[in-house]
Amino acid sequence: MAKTIAFVRSPGPSFNEAISSNLKNQPIDIKRACLQHESYISALKEIGLDVISLPSADEYPDAPFVEDTTVVFDHIALACPNKEKSRRGEGPSIHKEIKKHITMKALPPSANLDGGDVLNTEEKIFVGISSRTNLEAVNSLAKFTTKPVIPVKVIRGLHLKTSVSYLGNNIIVLDPSSIETTSLRTFKWIETNGHAANCLAIGNIVLISKGCTEEADKIRLKGFKTREVDISEFEKADGGLTCLSIILKKI
């Protein structure tokens, strides 16, 4: 059976300078962040993923949030033209590794896109129109897939996947107050208003932020298994569980 690969990058000493809406009254504990990242990697390995871990990139404080550099479809990976100037140098080193496993293409620079704004489901791809991602990204992504690519307005929060995650079986975990939900009405909803909205589904196992026990109970009632993972230091920098990896299912 083909293995699933997770690409990750360790946080470095500059991580506490990551872009964040946090007012710095709760500074990031770098040592704790590194330990949490190791636990995240362990959870991925225990699920059965092959993990390719890149060293920290200290000149890029946000570099552990690798999801924003790349969008992966079944047959191709796309390099994201990040809007934030401080993040534009993060991609090349991780793209070098991804190219060993799948074809990579680049989107035009006018298509501002963070990977955290792309929600890929079996039948449709949803793209958050946020402070980091524009409508040109929707048009550009549509050229690389036969699925409909649908824009979704992000009302509050950093990315689309800050507020919605797809589990499979037509089920999403959703904070309906943070995004325009009209295009998501055909899904079955598990509603939340916290960090649980960003969770990582790998097959039948869902990684969810530590402490989100109510949402974890609801997810298990839908037939999934759950595992709580503590990423509190990354949440201080507006990050979530999906942000910390690029998942590539080898065909």
Protein backbone atom coordinates (compact mmCIF):
# COMPACT_ATOMS: atom_id res chain seq x y z
CA MET A 1 0.00 0.00 0.00
CA ALA A 2 1.28 3.46 -0.89
CA LYS A 3 2.43 5.49 2.07
CA THR A 4 1.22 8.94 3.02
CA ILE A 5 3.96 11.50 3.60
CA ALA A 6 3.87 14.48 5.94
CA PHE A 7 6.37 17.30 5.36
CA VAL A 8 7.08 19.34 8.48
CA ARG A 9 9.56 21.98 9.64
CA SER A 10 10.82 22.48 13.18
CA PRO A 11 10.37 25.86 14.88
CA GLY A 12 13.53 27.88 15.39
CA PRO A 13 14.66 30.55 17.87
CA SER A 14 12.88 33.26 15.87
CA PHE A 15 9.46 31.59 16.10
CA ASN A 16 8.29 34.01 18.78
CA GLU A 17 8.50 36.72 16.10
CA ALA A 18 5.90 34.99 13.91
CA ILE A 19 3.08 37.11 12.50
CA SER A 20 0.25 36.98 14.99
CA SER A 21 -2.88 38.72 16.17
CA ASN A 22 -1.70 37.84 19.67
CA LEU A 23 -0.87 41.04 21.56
CA LYS A 24 2.27 39.41 23.01
CA ASN A 25 0.76 39.33 26.51
CA GLN A 26 1.29 35.58 26.14
CA PRO A 27 4.75 35.26 24.59
CA ILE A 28 5.60 32.04 22.78
CA ASP A 29 7.70 29.59 24.77
CA ILE A 30 10.19 28.34 22.16
CA LYS A 31 11.33 25.34 24.18
CA ARG A 32 7.75 24.24 24.75
CA ALA A 33 6.91 24.83 21.08
CA CYS A 34 9.75 22.50 20.06
CA LEU A 35 8.50 19.79 22.43
CA GLN A 36 4.96 20.18 21.12
CA HIS A 37 6.23 19.93 17.55
CA GLU A 38 8.02 16.69 18.40
CA SER A 39 4.79 15.32 19.88
CA TYR A 40 2.94 16.34 16.72
CA ILE A 41 5.47 14.42 14.63
CA SER A 42 5.11 11.40 16.92
CA ALA A 43 1.33 11.48 16.48
CA LEU A 44 1.71 11.50 12.69
CA LYS A 45 4.13 8.57 12.81
CA GLU A 46 1.88 6.57 15.12
CA ILE A 47 -0.96 6.99 12.62
CA GLY A 48 1.34 5.47 10.02
CA LEU A 49 2.63 8.46 8.06
CA ASP A 50 6.16 8.81 6.79
CA VAL A 51 7.44 12.14 8.13
CA ILE A 52 10.02 14.23 6.29
CA SER A 53 11.27 16.83 8.74
CA LEU A 54 13.13 19.91 7.57
CA PRO A 55 15.40 21.89 9.88
CA SER A 56 14.28 25.25 11.19
CA ALA A 57 14.64 28.27 8.92
CA ASP A 58 15.52 30.93 11.45
CA GLU A 59 15.30 33.81 8.98
CA TYR A 60 11.60 32.98 8.54
CA PRO A 61 9.78 33.02 11.91
CA ASP A 62 6.55 31.56 10.42
CA ALA A 63 8.33 28.70 8.65
CA PRO A 64 6.88 25.89 10.86
CA PHE A 65 3.50 26.66 9.24
CA VAL A 66 4.48 24.77 6.11
CA GLU A 67 0.91 24.29 4.88
CA ASP A 68 0.86 27.85 3.57
CA THR A 69 3.67 27.20 1.09
CA THR A 70 2.00 24.46 -0.95
CA VAL A 71 -1.32 23.09 -2.19
CA VAL A 72 -1.40 19.37 -3.02
CA PHE A 73 -3.89 17.79 -5.39
CA ASP A 74 -3.92 14.11 -6.36
CA HIS A 75 -1.51 14.48 -9.27
CA ILE A 76 0.32 17.76 -8.66
CA ALA A 77 1.64 20.15 -6.02
CA LEU A 78 1.36 23.90 -6.46
CA ALA A 79 3.74 26.45 -4.98
CA CYS A 80 1.80 29.22 -3.26
CA PRO A 81 2.61 32.87 -4.02
CA ASN A 82 2.37 34.15 -0.45
CA LYS A 83 1.16 37.72 0.02
CA GLU A 84 3.20 38.35 3.16
CA LYS A 85 6.67 39.46 2.05
CA SER A 86 8.27 38.00 5.17
CA ARG A 87 7.05 34.53 4.17
CA ARG A 88 8.01 34.43 0.51
CA GLY A 89 11.35 32.74 1.12
CA GLU A 90 9.93 29.75 2.99
CA GLY A 91 8.89 27.70 -0.01
CA PRO A 92 11.99 26.75 -2.04
CA SER A 93 13.62 24.42 0.49
CA ILE A 94 10.45 22.45 1.18
CA HIS A 95 9.48 22.42 -2.50
CA LYS A 96 12.86 20.84 -3.24
CA GLU A 97 11.83 17.89 -1.07
CA ILE A 98 8.29 17.68 -2.42
CA LYS A 99 9.57 17.55 -6.01
CA LYS A 100 11.17 14.20 -5.20
CA HIS A 101 7.68 12.71 -4.82
CA ILE A 102 5.29 14.66 -7.08
CA THR A 103 5.32 17.14 -9.95
CA MET A 104 5.35 20.77 -8.82
CA LYS A 105 4.01 23.79 -10.65
CA ALA A 106 3.97 27.48 -9.78
CA LEU A 107 0.96 29.75 -9.69
CA PRO A 108 1.26 33.28 -11.12
CA PRO A 109 2.50 35.90 -8.62
CA SER A 110 -0.80 37.79 -8.95
CA ALA A 111 -2.60 34.82 -7.36
CA ASN A 112 -1.94 35.57 -3.70
CA LEU A 113 -2.52 32.30 -1.87
CA ASP A 114 -1.85 30.66 1.48
CA GLY A 115 -2.37 26.90 1.60
CA GLY A 116 -4.39 27.34 4.78
CA ASP A 117 -7.14 28.86 2.65
CA VAL A 118 -7.65 25.73 0.53
CA LEU A 119 -10.13 23.07 1.68
CA ASN A 120 -10.07 20.04 -0.62
CA THR A 121 -13.04 17.63 -0.50
CA GLU A 122 -14.00 14.70 -2.73
CA GLU A 123 -16.21 16.71 -5.06
CA LYS A 124 -15.27 20.37 -4.58
CA ILE A 125 -12.40 22.63 -3.58
CA PHE A 126 -13.17 25.64 -1.40
CA VAL A 127 -10.85 28.64 -1.29
CA GLY A 128 -11.02 31.23 1.46
CA ILE A 129 -10.99 34.84 0.32
CA SER A 130 -9.03 36.26 3.21
CA SER A 131 -6.36 38.81 4.05
CA ARG A 132 -3.83 36.38 2.50
CA THR A 133 -5.73 34.94 -0.50
CA ASN A 134 -7.47 36.67 -3.42
CA LEU A 135 -9.97 35.77 -6.15
CA GLU A 136 -7.19 35.39 -8.70
CA ALA A 137 -6.06 32.35 -6.71
CA VAL A 138 -9.45 30.73 -7.30
CA ASN A 139 -9.14 31.17 -11.05
CA SER A 140 -5.54 29.94 -11.05
CA LEU A 141 -6.25 26.81 -9.01
CA ALA A 142 -9.17 25.92 -11.27
CA LYS A 143 -6.72 25.36 -14.14
CA PHE A 144 -5.14 22.43 -12.28
CA THR A 145 -8.24 20.45 -11.28
CA THR A 146 -11.48 19.17 -12.75
CA LYS A 147 -13.33 19.84 -9.48
CA PRO A 148 -15.33 23.06 -9.06
CA VAL A 149 -13.26 25.65 -7.17
CA ILE A 150 -15.53 27.76 -4.98
CA PRO A 151 -14.62 31.01 -3.18
CA VAL A 152 -15.68 31.36 0.46
CA LYS A 153 -15.53 34.70 2.24
CA VAL A 154 -13.53 34.60 5.48
CA ILE A 155 -15.25 36.95 7.93
CA ARG A 156 -13.04 36.43 10.97
CA GLY A 157 -9.79 34.54 11.53
CA LEU A 158 -6.65 34.10 9.49
CA HIS A 159 -7.57 31.38 6.99
CA LEU A 160 -10.54 29.35 5.77
CA LYS A 161 -9.21 26.28 7.59
CA THR A 162 -8.96 28.28 10.80
CA SER A 163 -12.74 27.94 10.77
CA VAL A 164 -13.56 24.72 8.89
CA SER A 165 -12.01 21.27 8.46
CA TYR A 166 -13.14 18.37 6.30
CA LEU A 167 -13.16 14.97 8.00
CA GLY A 168 -14.51 12.78 5.19
CA ASN A 169 -17.94 11.15 4.75
CA ASN A 170 -19.39 14.58 3.92
CA ILE A 171 -18.69 15.85 7.47
CA ILE A 172 -17.07 19.16 8.40
CA VAL A 173 -16.09 20.75 11.70
CA LEU A 174 -17.15 24.37 11.42
CA ASP A 175 -17.25 27.72 13.17
CA PRO A 176 -20.21 29.20 11.25
CA SER A 177 -19.71 32.69 12.68
CA SER A 178 -16.31 33.10 11.00
CA ILE A 179 -16.99 32.36 7.33
CA GLU A 180 -19.77 32.66 4.75
CA THR A 181 -21.40 29.22 5.00
CA THR A 182 -23.84 29.22 2.06
CA SER A 183 -21.66 26.99 -0.14
CA LEU A 184 -21.15 24.51 2.72
CA ARG A 185 -24.83 23.72 3.32
CA THR A 186 -24.64 20.29 1.68
CA PHE A 187 -22.22 19.02 4.36
CA LYS A 188 -23.08 17.59 7.76
CA TRP A 189 -21.86 20.07 10.38
CA ILE A 190 -20.15 19.63 13.72
CA GLU A 191 -20.31 23.17 15.07
CA THR A 192 -17.72 24.83 17.30
CA ASN A 193 -16.36 28.29 17.97
CA GLY A 194 -12.82 27.51 19.05
CA HIS A 195 -9.54 25.86 18.06
CA ALA A 196 -11.42 22.62 17.31
CA ALA A 197 -12.50 24.05 13.95
CA ASN A 198 -8.99 23.33 12.69
CA CYS A 199 -8.37 19.62 12.97
CA LEU A 200 -6.42 17.16 10.86
CA ALA A 201 -8.13 14.07 9.48
CA ILE A 202 -5.92 11.20 8.31
CA GLY A 203 -8.14 8.36 7.18
CA ASN A 204 -10.40 7.49 10.11
CA ILE A 205 -8.27 9.29 12.72
CA VAL A 206 -8.76 12.95 13.55
CA LEU A 207 -6.13 14.99 15.37
CA ILE A 208 -7.80 17.70 17.42
CA SER A 209 -6.46 20.45 19.67
CA LYS A 210 -5.98 19.44 23.29
CA GLY A 211 -8.89 20.40 25.49
CA CYS A 212 -11.55 20.28 22.77
CA THR A 213 -13.22 17.32 24.44
CA GLU A 214 -16.81 18.21 23.54
CA GLU A 215 -15.98 18.40 19.83
CA ALA A 216 -13.90 15.21 20.08
CA ASP A 217 -16.94 13.41 21.52
CA LYS A 218 -19.08 14.61 18.61
CA ILE A 219 -16.47 13.50 16.08
CA ARG A 220 -16.31 10.01 17.60
CA LEU A 221 -20.10 9.77 17.40
CA LYS A 222 -19.69 10.16 13.63
CA GLY A 223 -17.52 7.05 13.51
CA PHE A 224 -14.03 8.55 13.68
CA LYS A 225 -11.27 8.01 16.20
CA THR A 226 -9.72 11.09 17.79
CA ARG A 227 -6.42 12.05 19.31
CA GLU A 228 -5.85 15.30 21.21
CA VAL A 229 -2.57 17.08 20.47
CA ASP A 230 -1.28 20.06 22.43
CA ILE A 231 -0.17 22.85 20.07
CA SER A 232 -0.93 25.79 22.35
CA GLU A 233 2.31 27.62 21.51
CA PHE A 234 1.47 27.49 17.79
CA GLU A 235 -2.08 28.68 18.46
CA LYS A 236 -0.55 31.82 19.99
CA ALA A 237 0.73 32.55 16.47
CA ASP A 238 -2.72 31.90 14.90
CA GLY A 239 -1.70 28.38 13.85
CA GLY A 240 -3.57 25.09 13.92
CA LEU A 241 -3.01 21.39 13.39
CA THR A 242 -3.25 21.47 9.59
CA CYS A 243 -0.82 24.41 9.43
CA LEU A 244 2.09 22.30 10.65
CA SER A 245 2.25 19.79 7.81
CA ILE A 246 1.84 19.24 4.09
CA ILE A 247 0.13 15.90 3.52
CA LEU A 248 0.96 13.98 0.36
CA LYS A 249 -0.89 10.75 -0.37
CA LYS A 250 1.33 8.73 -2.68
CA ILE A 251 -0.53 7.06 -5.54
